[in-house]
Amino acid sequence: MSKYIHTILIGGALFAFACNPNHHKVENILIKGSDTEVNLALALAETYMSTDPDVSIAVTGGGSGAGIAALINGKTSIANASRPMKWEEIALANERKVQPLASVLGMDAIAIVVHPQCPVQNLSLQQLGAIYRGDIQNWKTLGGPDAEISLYGRQSNSGTFVYFRDSIVRAEYAQEVKQMNGTAQIVEAIKNDVHGIGYVGVGYILEKSGARAGIKVLPIGRSDHQPAFLPTEVQNIESGDYPIIRPLYQYTNGQPKGRLHQYLQYCLSPAGQALVKASGYFPVSAQYQLQNEQALNYQYAKSTLR
């Protein structure tokens, strides 16, 4: 199985349990989409299934676009997306009698990674955009060696691809950008390319000891004249000093019911949000808590779920 598509299913003993007519039928929940969210979704699903023997949750990646397409085509219960749905996706969903409803699972910071030997110490948003537009093509312009910058990014069906293009590049990507199938490919490419640069969800590269070995995470500033901050330090996210932050979405077809609703509420519960944080992401911000309350009838202050 591809290392970019992960699948979890409840154990064989539980399937046998489900087949026994004396027991309740196991309810299946399918989750597909964002590779940025896939490891977090796996952790949440595994933990939730350990508390509810009557639910089976399967999680696959493939990119935000793939998850949204699966929701529109009735092939998944939840579409994970690291970007909002596009207007044409919403129009197609409505045409097929699908009513996408968004809730926010957590917050993500996009980290900019280079090879450990890269001497550049930080970048501004303006410099980062110029790099990926192709306006800056040599590390020498940024105080590095006289070497062409090797650009790595995601494929076009990735929510990270869309978010980074629209929010940072603010134009089409340079033709030289190598489109990788997943975050893992970007990280492995950077490890082996002294002149490479890439963008990845910070949750993927964080480990208990800090950032994953073999890469260097660059501090990013809002402008050339403002201080730069690392996304690997939680205070920089909570304060808003790190400038590349986005919500992580979960889309369902209309108001979720039954165990699907219970699972989504679990994701927002203190236990679920603790897993979000442990996975290297950040709890839902106050801005999106209201959206979740409206979408899922979830009251944060009053919650006692699990």
C-alpha atoms as a PDB file:
ATOM      1  CA  MET A   1       0.000   0.000   0.000  1.00  0.00           C
ATOM      2  CA  SER A   2       1.256   3.497  -0.802  1.00  0.00           C
ATOM      3  CA  LYS A   3       2.735   5.297   2.156  1.00  0.00           C
ATOM      4  CA  TYR A   4       0.666   8.348   1.192  1.00  0.00           C
ATOM      5  CA  ILE A   5      -2.624   6.541   1.636  1.00  0.00           C
ATOM      6  CA  HIS A   6      -3.242   5.149   5.066  1.00  0.00           C
ATOM      7  CA  THR A   7      -6.180   2.963   5.978  1.00  0.00           C
ATOM      8  CA  ILE A   8      -7.343   1.764   9.357  1.00  0.00           C
ATOM      9  CA  LEU A   9     -10.090  -0.691  10.032  1.00  0.00           C
ATOM     10  CA  ILE A  10     -11.392  -2.066  13.258  1.00  0.00           C
ATOM     11  CA  GLY A  11      -9.871  -5.436  14.219  1.00  0.00           C
ATOM     12  CA  GLY A  12     -11.060  -8.838  13.006  1.00  0.00           C
ATOM     13  CA  ALA A  13     -12.519  -9.747  16.364  1.00  0.00           C
ATOM     14  CA  LEU A  14     -14.773  -6.736  16.182  1.00  0.00           C
ATOM     15  CA  PHE A  15     -15.923  -7.706  12.693  1.00  0.00           C
ATOM     16  CA  ALA A  16     -16.878 -11.090  14.084  1.00  0.00           C
ATOM     17  CA  PHE A  17     -18.693  -9.284  16.845  1.00  0.00           C
ATOM     18  CA  ALA A  18     -20.588  -7.264  14.241  1.00  0.00           C
ATOM     19  CA  CYS A  19     -21.602 -10.361  12.295  1.00  0.00           C
ATOM     20  CA  ASN A  20     -23.163 -11.938  15.344  1.00  0.00           C
ATOM     21  CA  PRO A  21     -26.948 -11.342  15.055  1.00  0.00           C
ATOM     22  CA  ASN A  22     -27.155 -11.036  18.825  1.00  0.00           C
ATOM     23  CA  HIS A  23     -25.212  -7.807  18.723  1.00  0.00           C
ATOM     24  CA  HIS A  24     -25.781  -4.359  17.260  1.00  0.00           C
ATOM     25  CA  LYS A  25     -24.679  -3.788  13.701  1.00  0.00           C
ATOM     26  CA  VAL A  26     -21.363  -1.987  13.375  1.00  0.00           C
ATOM     27  CA  GLU A  27     -21.745   1.437  11.762  1.00  0.00           C
ATOM     28  CA  ASN A  28     -19.121   2.326   9.135  1.00  0.00           C
ATOM     29  CA  ILE A  29     -17.700   5.838   8.807  1.00  0.00           C
ATOM     30  CA  LEU A  30     -15.496   6.647   5.805  1.00  0.00           C
ATOM     31  CA  ILE A  31     -13.064   9.569   5.933  1.00  0.00           C
ATOM     32  CA  LYS A  32     -11.123  10.675   2.849  1.00  0.00           C
ATOM     33  CA  GLY A  33      -9.120  13.687   1.776  1.00  0.00           C
ATOM     34  CA  SER A  34      -6.348  15.958   2.981  1.00  0.00           C
ATOM     35  CA  ASP A  35      -2.927  14.354   3.365  1.00  0.00           C
ATOM     36  CA  THR A  36      -2.174  17.134   5.842  1.00  0.00           C
ATOM     37  CA  GLU A  37      -4.923  15.804   8.095  1.00  0.00           C
ATOM     38  CA  VAL A  38      -4.557  12.077   7.500  1.00  0.00           C
ATOM     39  CA  ASN A  39      -2.236  11.218  10.433  1.00  0.00           C
ATOM     40  CA  LEU A  40      -4.385  13.270  12.804  1.00  0.00           C
ATOM     41  CA  ALA A  41      -7.547  11.642  11.468  1.00  0.00           C
ATOM     42  CA  LEU A  42      -5.993   8.215  12.009  1.00  0.00           C
ATOM     43  CA  ALA A  43      -5.165   9.052  15.629  1.00  0.00           C
ATOM     44  CA  LEU A  44      -8.658  10.397  16.313  1.00  0.00           C
ATOM     45  CA  ALA A  45     -10.349   7.427  14.652  1.00  0.00           C
ATOM     46  CA  GLU A  46      -8.263   4.847  16.509  1.00  0.00           C
ATOM     47  CA  THR A  47      -8.919   6.500  19.860  1.00  0.00           C
ATOM     48  CA  TYR A  48     -12.632   6.914  19.225  1.00  0.00           C
ATOM     49  CA  MET A  49     -13.063   3.289  18.099  1.00  0.00           C
ATOM     50  CA  SER A  50     -11.479   2.126  21.349  1.00  0.00           C
ATOM     51  CA  THR A  51     -14.403   3.748  23.185  1.00  0.00           C
ATOM     52  CA  ASP A  52     -17.205   2.584  20.887  1.00  0.00           C
ATOM     53  CA  PRO A  53     -17.231  -1.080  19.740  1.00  0.00           C
ATOM     54  CA  ASP A  54     -20.170  -0.450  17.390  1.00  0.00           C
ATOM     55  CA  VAL A  55     -18.343   1.837  14.961  1.00  0.00           C
ATOM     56  CA  SER A  56     -15.709   1.152  12.298  1.00  0.00           C
ATOM     57  CA  ILE A  57     -13.798   4.119  10.846  1.00  0.00           C
ATOM     58  CA  ALA A  58     -11.680   3.904   7.684  1.00  0.00           C
ATOM     59  CA  VAL A  59      -9.311   6.782   6.886  1.00  0.00           C
ATOM     60  CA  THR A  60      -7.587   7.440   3.551  1.00  0.00           C
ATOM     61  CA  GLY A  61      -5.675  10.415   2.175  1.00  0.00           C
ATOM     62  CA  GLY A  62      -5.332  11.424  -1.454  1.00  0.00           C
ATOM     63  CA  GLY A  63      -5.618  15.183  -1.106  1.00  0.00           C
ATOM     64  CA  SER A  64      -8.366  17.676  -0.289  1.00  0.00           C
ATOM     65  CA  GLY A  65      -9.709  17.655  -3.841  1.00  0.00           C
ATOM     66  CA  ALA A  66     -10.044  13.874  -3.785  1.00  0.00           C
ATOM     67  CA  GLY A  67     -11.927  13.985  -0.495  1.00  0.00           C
ATOM     68  CA  ILE A  68     -14.327  16.661  -1.683  1.00  0.00           C
ATOM     69  CA  ALA A  69     -14.934  14.772  -4.932  1.00  0.00           C
ATOM     70  CA  ALA A  70     -15.700  11.631  -2.923  1.00  0.00           C
ATOM     71  CA  LEU A  71     -18.228  13.547  -0.801  1.00  0.00           C
ATOM     72  CA  ILE A  72     -19.916  14.964  -3.902  1.00  0.00           C
ATOM     73  CA  ASN A  73     -20.081  11.455  -5.402  1.00  0.00           C
ATOM     74  CA  GLY A  74     -21.442   9.885  -2.223  1.00  0.00           C
ATOM     75  CA  LYS A  75     -18.281   7.834  -1.626  1.00  0.00           C
ATOM     76  CA  THR A  76     -17.298   9.137   1.824  1.00  0.00           C
ATOM     77  CA  SER A  77     -18.940  10.172   5.090  1.00  0.00           C
ATOM     78  CA  ILE A  78     -16.423  12.935   5.806  1.00  0.00           C
ATOM     79  CA  ALA A  79     -14.221  14.885   3.403  1.00  0.00           C
ATOM     80  CA  ASN A  80     -11.131  16.259   5.111  1.00  0.00           C
ATOM     81  CA  ALA A  81      -9.857  19.426   3.434  1.00  0.00           C
ATOM     82  CA  SER A  82      -7.082  21.843   4.267  1.00  0.00           C
ATOM     83  CA  ARG A  83      -8.828  24.533   2.223  1.00  0.00           C
ATOM     84  CA  PRO A  84     -12.396  25.803   1.778  1.00  0.00           C
ATOM     85  CA  MET A  85     -14.458  24.248  -1.000  1.00  0.00           C
ATOM     86  CA  LYS A  86     -14.287  26.080  -4.337  1.00  0.00           C
ATOM     87  CA  TRP A  87     -17.443  27.653  -5.727  1.00  0.00           C
ATOM     88  CA  GLU A  88     -17.487  25.185  -8.623  1.00  0.00           C
ATOM     89  CA  GLU A  89     -17.286  22.270  -6.169  1.00  0.00           C
ATOM     90  CA  ILE A  90     -20.215  23.670  -4.205  1.00  0.00           C
ATOM     91  CA  ALA A  91     -22.178  24.161  -7.435  1.00  0.00           C
ATOM     92  CA  LEU A  92     -21.520  20.555  -8.487  1.00  0.00           C
ATOM     93  CA  ALA A  93     -22.485  19.308  -5.030  1.00  0.00           C
ATOM     94  CA  ASN A  94     -25.776  21.199  -5.151  1.00  0.00           C
ATOM     95  CA  GLU A  95     -26.422  19.848  -8.637  1.00  0.00           C
ATOM     96  CA  ARG A  96     -26.081  16.331  -7.212  1.00  0.00           C
ATOM     97  CA  LYS A  97     -28.282  17.087  -4.196  1.00  0.00           C
ATOM     98  CA  VAL A  98     -25.325  17.104  -1.802  1.00  0.00           C
ATOM     99  CA  GLN A  99     -25.293  19.845   0.855  1.00  0.00           C
ATOM    100  CA  PRO A 100     -21.716  20.307   2.124  1.00  0.00           C
ATOM    101  CA  LEU A 101     -21.524  21.323   5.777  1.00  0.00           C
ATOM    102  CA  ALA A 102     -18.161  22.458   7.144  1.00  0.00           C
ATOM    103  CA  SER A 103     -16.763  22.154  10.632  1.00  0.00           C
ATOM    104  CA  VAL A 104     -13.200  22.969  11.675  1.00  0.00           C
ATOM    105  CA  LEU A 105     -11.112  20.219  13.261  1.00  0.00           C
ATOM    106  CA  GLY A 106      -8.113  22.314  14.286  1.00  0.00           C
ATOM    107  CA  MET A 107      -5.601  24.858  13.079  1.00  0.00           C
ATOM    108  CA  ASP A 108      -2.505  24.191  11.001  1.00  0.00           C
ATOM    109  CA  ALA A 109       0.648  26.148  10.354  1.00  0.00           C
ATOM    110  CA  ILE A 110       2.502  25.631   7.079  1.00  0.00           C
ATOM    111  CA  ALA A 111       6.230  25.250   7.650  1.00  0.00           C
ATOM    112  CA  ILE A 112       8.899  26.214   5.132  1.00  0.00           C
ATOM    113  CA  VAL A 113      11.649  23.608   5.034  1.00  0.00           C
ATOM    114  CA  VAL A 114      15.124  23.553   3.519  1.00  0.00           C
ATOM    115  CA  HIS A 115      18.172  21.304   3.722  1.00  0.00           C
ATOM    116  CA  PRO A 116      20.139  21.629   7.009  1.00  0.00           C
ATOM    117  CA  GLN A 117      23.147  22.933   5.061  1.00  0.00           C
ATOM    118  CA  CYS A 118      21.183  25.899   3.691  1.00  0.00           C
ATOM    119  CA  PRO A 119      22.762  29.018   5.268  1.00  0.00           C
ATOM    120  CA  VAL A 120      19.661  31.224   4.881  1.00  0.00           C
ATOM    121  CA  GLN A 121      18.287  31.944   8.362  1.00  0.00           C
ATOM    122  CA  ASN A 122      14.815  33.326   7.612  1.00  0.00           C
ATOM    123  CA  LEU A 123      12.486  34.581   4.905  1.00  0.00           C
ATOM    124  CA  SER A 124       9.662  37.100   4.609  1.00  0.00           C
ATOM    125  CA  LEU A 125       6.287  36.405   3.032  1.00  0.00           C
ATOM    126  CA  GLN A 126       7.273  38.639   0.126  1.00  0.00           C
ATOM    127  CA  GLN A 127      10.487  36.698  -0.483  1.00  0.00           C
ATOM    128  CA  LEU A 128       8.655  33.387  -0.215  1.00  0.00           C
ATOM    129  CA  GLY A 129       6.058  34.462  -2.769  1.00  0.00           C
ATOM    130  CA  ALA A 130       8.784  35.706  -5.125  1.00  0.00           C
ATOM    131  CA  ILE A 131      10.615  32.368  -4.846  1.00  0.00           C
ATOM    132  CA  TYR A 132       7.565  30.324  -5.814  1.00  0.00           C
ATOM    133  CA  ARG A 133       6.561  32.728  -8.616  1.00  0.00           C
ATOM    134  CA  GLY A 134      10.043  32.355 -10.053  1.00  0.00           C
ATOM    135  CA  ASP A 135      10.976  36.003  -9.481  1.00  0.00           C
ATOM    136  CA  ILE A 136      13.835  34.917  -7.194  1.00  0.00           C
ATOM    137  CA  GLN A 137      15.669  31.942  -8.683  1.00  0.00           C
ATOM    138  CA  ASN A 138      19.086  31.928  -6.989  1.00  0.00           C
ATOM    139  CA  TRP A 139      19.927  31.489  -3.315  1.00  0.00           C
ATOM    140  CA  LYS A 140      22.600  34.191  -3.714  1.00  0.00           C
ATOM    141  CA  THR A 141      19.807  36.814  -3.859  1.00  0.00           C
ATOM    142  CA  LEU A 142      18.827  35.753  -0.330  1.00  0.00           C
ATOM    143  CA  GLY A 143      22.326  35.620   1.131  1.00  0.00           C
ATOM    144  CA  GLY A 144      22.937  31.990   0.281  1.00  0.00           C
ATOM    145  CA  PRO A 145      25.265  30.261  -2.188  1.00  0.00           C
ATOM    146  CA  ASP A 146      25.375  30.990  -5.906  1.00  0.00           C
ATOM    147  CA  ALA A 147      23.013  28.130  -6.755  1.00  0.00           C
ATOM    148  CA  GLU A 148      19.627  27.776  -8.392  1.00  0.00           C
ATOM    149  CA  ILE A 149      16.750  27.309  -5.948  1.00  0.00           C
ATOM    150  CA  SER A 150      15.100  23.913  -6.313  1.00  0.00           C
ATOM    151  CA  LEU A 151      11.355  24.258  -5.714  1.00  0.00           C
ATOM    152  CA  TYR A 152       9.115  21.571  -4.229  1.00  0.00           C
ATOM    153  CA  GLY A 153       5.343  21.766  -3.769  1.00  0.00           C
ATOM    154  CA  ARG A 154       2.189  19.695  -3.763  1.00  0.00           C
ATOM    155  CA  GLN A 155       0.091  18.446  -6.666  1.00  0.00           C
ATOM    156  CA  SER A 156      -2.839  20.552  -7.828  1.00  0.00           C
ATOM    157  CA  ASN A 157      -5.563  18.518  -6.068  1.00  0.00           C
ATOM    158  CA  SER A 158      -3.942  19.278  -2.713  1.00  0.00           C
ATOM    159  CA  GLY A 159      -5.564  21.834  -0.426  1.00  0.00           C
ATOM    160  CA  THR A 160      -2.101  22.954   0.624  1.00  0.00           C
ATOM    161  CA  PHE A 161      -1.243  23.636  -3.041  1.00  0.00           C
ATOM    162  CA  VAL A 162      -4.322  25.868  -3.373  1.00  0.00           C
ATOM    163  CA  TYR A 163      -3.911  27.638  -0.042  1.00  0.00           C
ATOM    164  CA  PHE A 164      -0.227  28.397  -0.586  1.00  0.00           C
ATOM    165  CA  ARG A 165      -0.836  29.617  -4.136  1.00  0.00           C
ATOM    166  CA  ASP A 166      -3.729  31.894  -3.182  1.00  0.00           C
ATOM    167  CA  SER A 167      -2.347  33.211   0.118  1.00  0.00           C
ATOM    168  CA  ILE A 168       1.426  33.355  -0.382  1.00  0.00           C
ATOM    169  CA  VAL A 169       2.320  33.145  -4.082  1.00  0.00           C
ATOM    170  CA  ARG A 170      -0.684  35.259  -5.143  1.00  0.00           C
ATOM    171  CA  ALA A 171      -0.124  34.185  -8.740  1.00  0.00           C
ATOM    172  CA  GLU A 172       0.518  30.964 -10.617  1.00  0.00           C
ATOM    173  CA  TYR A 173       3.442  28.865  -9.481  1.00  0.00           C
ATOM    174  CA  ALA A 174       6.682  28.948 -11.432  1.00  0.00           C
ATOM    175  CA  GLN A 175       6.918  26.137 -13.992  1.00  0.00           C
ATOM    176  CA  GLU A 176      10.004  24.852 -12.187  1.00  0.00           C
ATOM    177  CA  VAL A 177       8.049  23.779  -9.090  1.00  0.00           C
ATOM    178  CA  LYS A 178       8.216  20.001  -8.712  1.00  0.00           C
ATOM    179  CA  GLN A 179       4.728  18.780  -7.789  1.00  0.00           C
ATOM    180  CA  MET A 180       4.987  15.978  -5.248  1.00  0.00           C
ATOM    181  CA  ASN A 181       2.273  13.456  -4.436  1.00  0.00           C
ATOM    182  CA  GLY A 182       2.375  14.037  -0.688  1.00  0.00           C
ATOM    183  CA  THR A 183       4.044  15.780   2.217  1.00  0.00           C
ATOM    184  CA  ALA A 184       6.329  12.804   2.841  1.00  0.00           C
ATOM    185  CA  GLN A 185       7.743  13.115  -0.681  1.00  0.00           C
ATOM    186  CA  ILE A 186       8.557  16.782  -0.125  1.00  0.00           C
ATOM    187  CA  VAL A 187      10.361  16.043   3.133  1.00  0.00           C
ATOM    188  CA  GLU A 188      12.382  13.204   1.589  1.00  0.00           C
ATOM    189  CA  ALA A 189      13.266  15.372  -1.422  1.00  0.00           C
ATOM    190  CA  ILE A 190      14.508  18.209   0.796  1.00  0.00           C
ATOM    191  CA  LYS A 191      16.648  15.801   2.810  1.00  0.00           C
ATOM    192  CA  ASN A 192      18.482  14.911  -0.408  1.00  0.00           C
ATOM    193  CA  ASP A 193      18.598  18.329  -2.105  1.00  0.00           C
ATOM    194  CA  VAL A 194      21.004  20.872  -0.629  1.00  0.00           C
ATOM    195  CA  HIS A 195      19.399  23.663  -2.674  1.00  0.00           C
ATOM    196  CA  GLY A 196      15.775  22.641  -2.152  1.00  0.00           C
ATOM    197  CA  ILE A 197      12.878  24.441  -0.482  1.00  0.00           C
ATOM    198  CA  GLY A 198       9.399  23.108   0.243  1.00  0.00           C
ATOM    199  CA  TYR A 199       6.199  23.820   2.175  1.00  0.00           C
ATOM    200  CA  VAL A 200       4.560  21.258   4.487  1.00  0.00           C
ATOM    201  CA  GLY A 201       1.987  21.116   7.266  1.00  0.00           C
ATOM    202  CA  VAL A 202       3.874  21.606  10.521  1.00  0.00           C
ATOM    203  CA  GLY A 203       2.102  18.674  12.169  1.00  0.00           C
ATOM    204  CA  TYR A 204       3.816  16.276   9.800  1.00  0.00           C
ATOM    205  CA  ILE A 205       7.346  17.321  10.684  1.00  0.00           C
ATOM    206  CA  LEU A 206       6.971  17.745  14.444  1.00  0.00           C
ATOM    207  CA  GLU A 207       8.246  15.060  16.771  1.00  0.00           C
ATOM    208  CA  LYS A 208       8.565  14.996  20.561  1.00  0.00           C
ATOM    209  CA  SER A 209      12.159  16.163  20.299  1.00  0.00           C
ATOM    210  CA  GLY A 210      11.302  18.978  17.862  1.00  0.00           C
ATOM    211  CA  ALA A 211      11.378  19.144  14.084  1.00  0.00           C
ATOM    212  CA  ARG A 212      12.061  15.939  12.154  1.00  0.00           C
ATOM    213  CA  ALA A 213      15.741  15.180  11.570  1.00  0.00           C
ATOM    214  CA  GLY A 214      17.246  15.904   8.173  1.00  0.00           C
ATOM    215  CA  ILE A 215      15.442  19.168   7.476  1.00  0.00           C
ATOM    216  CA  LYS A 216      15.666  22.767   8.641  1.00  0.00           C
ATOM    217  CA  VAL A 217      12.564  24.840   9.377  1.00  0.00           C
ATOM    218  CA  LEU A 218      12.881  28.529   8.456  1.00  0.00           C
ATOM    219  CA  PRO A 219      11.414  31.361  10.557  1.00  0.00           C
ATOM    220  CA  ILE A 220       9.034  33.507   8.491  1.00  0.00           C
ATOM    221  CA  GLY A 221       8.300  37.220   8.887  1.00  0.00           C
ATOM    222  CA  ARG A 222       5.321  39.211   7.648  1.00  0.00           C
ATOM    223  CA  SER A 223       7.622  41.626   5.807  1.00  0.00           C
ATOM    224  CA  ASP A 224      11.300  42.212   5.126  1.00  0.00           C
ATOM    225  CA  HIS A 225      11.428  44.665   8.010  1.00  0.00           C
ATOM    226  CA  GLN A 226       9.599  42.625  10.659  1.00  0.00           C
ATOM    227  CA  PRO A 227      10.911  39.826  12.875  1.00  0.00           C
ATOM    228  CA  ALA A 228      10.578  36.233  11.703  1.00  0.00           C
ATOM    229  CA  PHE A 229       9.032  33.429  13.773  1.00  0.00           C
ATOM    230  CA  LEU A 230       9.125  29.642  13.788  1.00  0.00           C
ATOM    231  CA  PRO A 231       5.914  27.597  13.428  1.00  0.00           C
ATOM    232  CA  THR A 232       7.344  24.895  15.693  1.00  0.00           C
ATOM    233  CA  GLU A 233       6.909  27.066  18.806  1.00  0.00           C
ATOM    234  CA  VAL A 234       3.306  27.061  19.994  1.00  0.00           C
ATOM    235  CA  GLN A 235       3.452  30.574  21.422  1.00  0.00           C
ATOM    236  CA  ASN A 236       4.115  31.928  17.923  1.00  0.00           C
ATOM    237  CA  ILE A 237       0.885  30.315  16.715  1.00  0.00           C
ATOM    238  CA  GLU A 238      -1.253  31.341  19.678  1.00  0.00           C
ATOM    239  CA  SER A 239      -0.008  34.933  19.448  1.00  0.00           C
ATOM    240  CA  GLY A 240      -0.542  35.076  15.677  1.00  0.00           C
ATOM    241  CA  ASP A 241       3.099  36.043  15.130  1.00  0.00           C
ATOM    242  CA  TYR A 242       3.694  33.198  12.710  1.00  0.00           C
ATOM    243  CA  PRO A 243       2.009  34.378   9.504  1.00  0.00           C
ATOM    244  CA  ILE A 244       1.024  31.148   7.682  1.00  0.00           C
ATOM    245  CA  ILE A 245      -1.897  29.594   9.588  1.00  0.00           C
ATOM    246  CA  ARG A 246      -5.089  28.007   8.250  1.00  0.00           C
ATOM    247  CA  PRO A 247      -8.122  26.022   9.477  1.00  0.00           C
ATOM    248  CA  LEU A 248      -8.490  22.300   8.820  1.00  0.00           C
ATOM    249  CA  TYR A 249     -11.981  21.422   7.594  1.00  0.00           C
ATOM    250  CA  GLN A 250     -14.227  18.388   7.852  1.00  0.00           C
ATOM    251  CA  TYR A 251     -17.134  18.365   5.372  1.00  0.00           C
ATOM    252  CA  THR A 252     -20.259  16.223   5.665  1.00  0.00           C
ATOM    253  CA  ASN A 253     -23.341  15.952   3.489  1.00  0.00           C
ATOM    254  CA  GLY A 254     -25.726  18.064   5.534  1.00  0.00           C
ATOM    255  CA  GLN A 255     -26.232  17.878   9.279  1.00  0.00           C
ATOM    256  CA  PRO A 256     -24.519  14.705  10.556  1.00  0.00           C
ATOM    257  CA  LYS A 257     -26.572  12.290  12.635  1.00  0.00           C
ATOM    258  CA  GLY A 258     -26.043   9.309  14.889  1.00  0.00           C
ATOM    259  CA  ARG A 259     -22.518   8.041  15.401  1.00  0.00           C
ATOM    260  CA  LEU A 260     -21.176  10.321  12.660  1.00  0.00           C
ATOM    261  CA  HIS A 261     -22.387  13.295  14.678  1.00  0.00           C
ATOM    262  CA  GLN A 262     -20.994  11.790  17.881  1.00  0.00           C
ATOM    263  CA  TYR A 263     -17.602  11.227  16.259  1.00  0.00           C
ATOM    264  CA  LEU A 264     -17.395  14.807  14.983  1.00  0.00           C
ATOM    265  CA  GLN A 265     -18.303  16.098  18.426  1.00  0.00           C
ATOM    266  CA  TYR A 266     -15.619  13.868  19.913  1.00  0.00           C
ATOM    267  CA  CYS A 267     -13.071  15.535  17.612  1.00  0.00           C
ATOM    268  CA  LEU A 268     -13.980  18.876  19.200  1.00  0.00           C
ATOM    269  CA  SER A 269     -14.133  17.579  22.777  1.00  0.00           C
ATOM    270  CA  PRO A 270     -11.276  18.205  25.238  1.00  0.00           C
ATOM    271  CA  ALA A 271      -9.972  14.684  24.533  1.00  0.00           C
ATOM    272  CA  GLY A 272     -10.142  15.210  20.773  1.00  0.00           C
ATOM    273  CA  GLN A 273      -8.514  18.617  20.887  1.00  0.00           C
ATOM    274  CA  ALA A 274      -5.773  17.223  23.125  1.00  0.00           C
ATOM    275  CA  LEU A 275      -5.022  14.737  20.329  1.00  0.00           C
ATOM    276  CA  VAL A 276      -5.001  17.599  17.818  1.00  0.00           C
ATOM    277  CA  LYS A 277      -2.344  19.307  19.912  1.00  0.00           C
ATOM    278  CA  ALA A 278      -0.370  16.095  20.510  1.00  0.00           C
ATOM    279  CA  SER A 279      -0.289  15.542  16.741  1.00  0.00           C
ATOM    280  CA  GLY A 280       1.500  18.844  16.199  1.00  0.00           C
ATOM    281  CA  TYR A 281      -1.521  20.961  15.266  1.00  0.00           C
ATOM    282  CA  PHE A 282      -3.408  23.560  17.248  1.00  0.00           C
ATOM    283  CA  PRO A 283      -6.872  23.576  18.854  1.00  0.00           C
ATOM    284  CA  VAL A 284      -9.775  25.275  17.093  1.00  0.00           C
ATOM    285  CA  SER A 285      -9.452  29.043  17.444  1.00  0.00           C
ATOM    286  CA  ALA A 286     -12.239  31.182  18.876  1.00  0.00           C
ATOM    287  CA  GLN A 287     -12.980  32.454  15.370  1.00  0.00           C
ATOM    288  CA  TYR A 288     -14.054  28.984  14.228  1.00  0.00           C
ATOM    289  CA  GLN A 289     -15.632  27.756  17.457  1.00  0.00           C
ATOM    290  CA  LEU A 290     -18.820  29.655  16.603  1.00  0.00           C
ATOM    291  CA  GLN A 291     -18.900  28.014  13.158  1.00  0.00           C
ATOM    292  CA  ASN A 292     -18.650  24.597  14.818  1.00  0.00           C
ATOM    293  CA  GLU A 293     -21.413  25.425  17.274  1.00  0.00           C
ATOM    294  CA  GLN A 294     -23.692  26.381  14.397  1.00  0.00           C
ATOM    295  CA  ALA A 295     -22.755  23.382  12.239  1.00  0.00           C
ATOM    296  CA  LEU A 296     -22.699  20.661  14.902  1.00  0.00           C
ATOM    297  CA  ASN A 297     -24.581  22.202  17.815  1.00  0.00           C
ATOM    298  CA  TYR A 298     -21.405  21.790  19.843  1.00  0.00           C
ATOM    299  CA  GLN A 299     -21.045  23.992  22.921  1.00  0.00           C
ATOM    300  CA  TYR A 300     -17.381  24.166  23.905  1.00  0.00           C
ATOM    301  CA  ALA A 301     -17.822  25.662  27.365  1.00  0.00           C
ATOM    302  CA  LYS A 302     -20.514  23.179  28.362  1.00  0.00           C
ATOM    303  CA  SER A 303     -19.068  20.048  26.790  1.00  0.00           C
ATOM    304  CA  THR A 304     -18.518  16.964  28.917  1.00  0.00           C
ATOM    305  CA  LEU A 305     -18.139  14.533  25.985  1.00  0.00           C
ATOM    306  CA  ARG A 306     -15.730  11.689  26.621  1.00  0.00           C
END
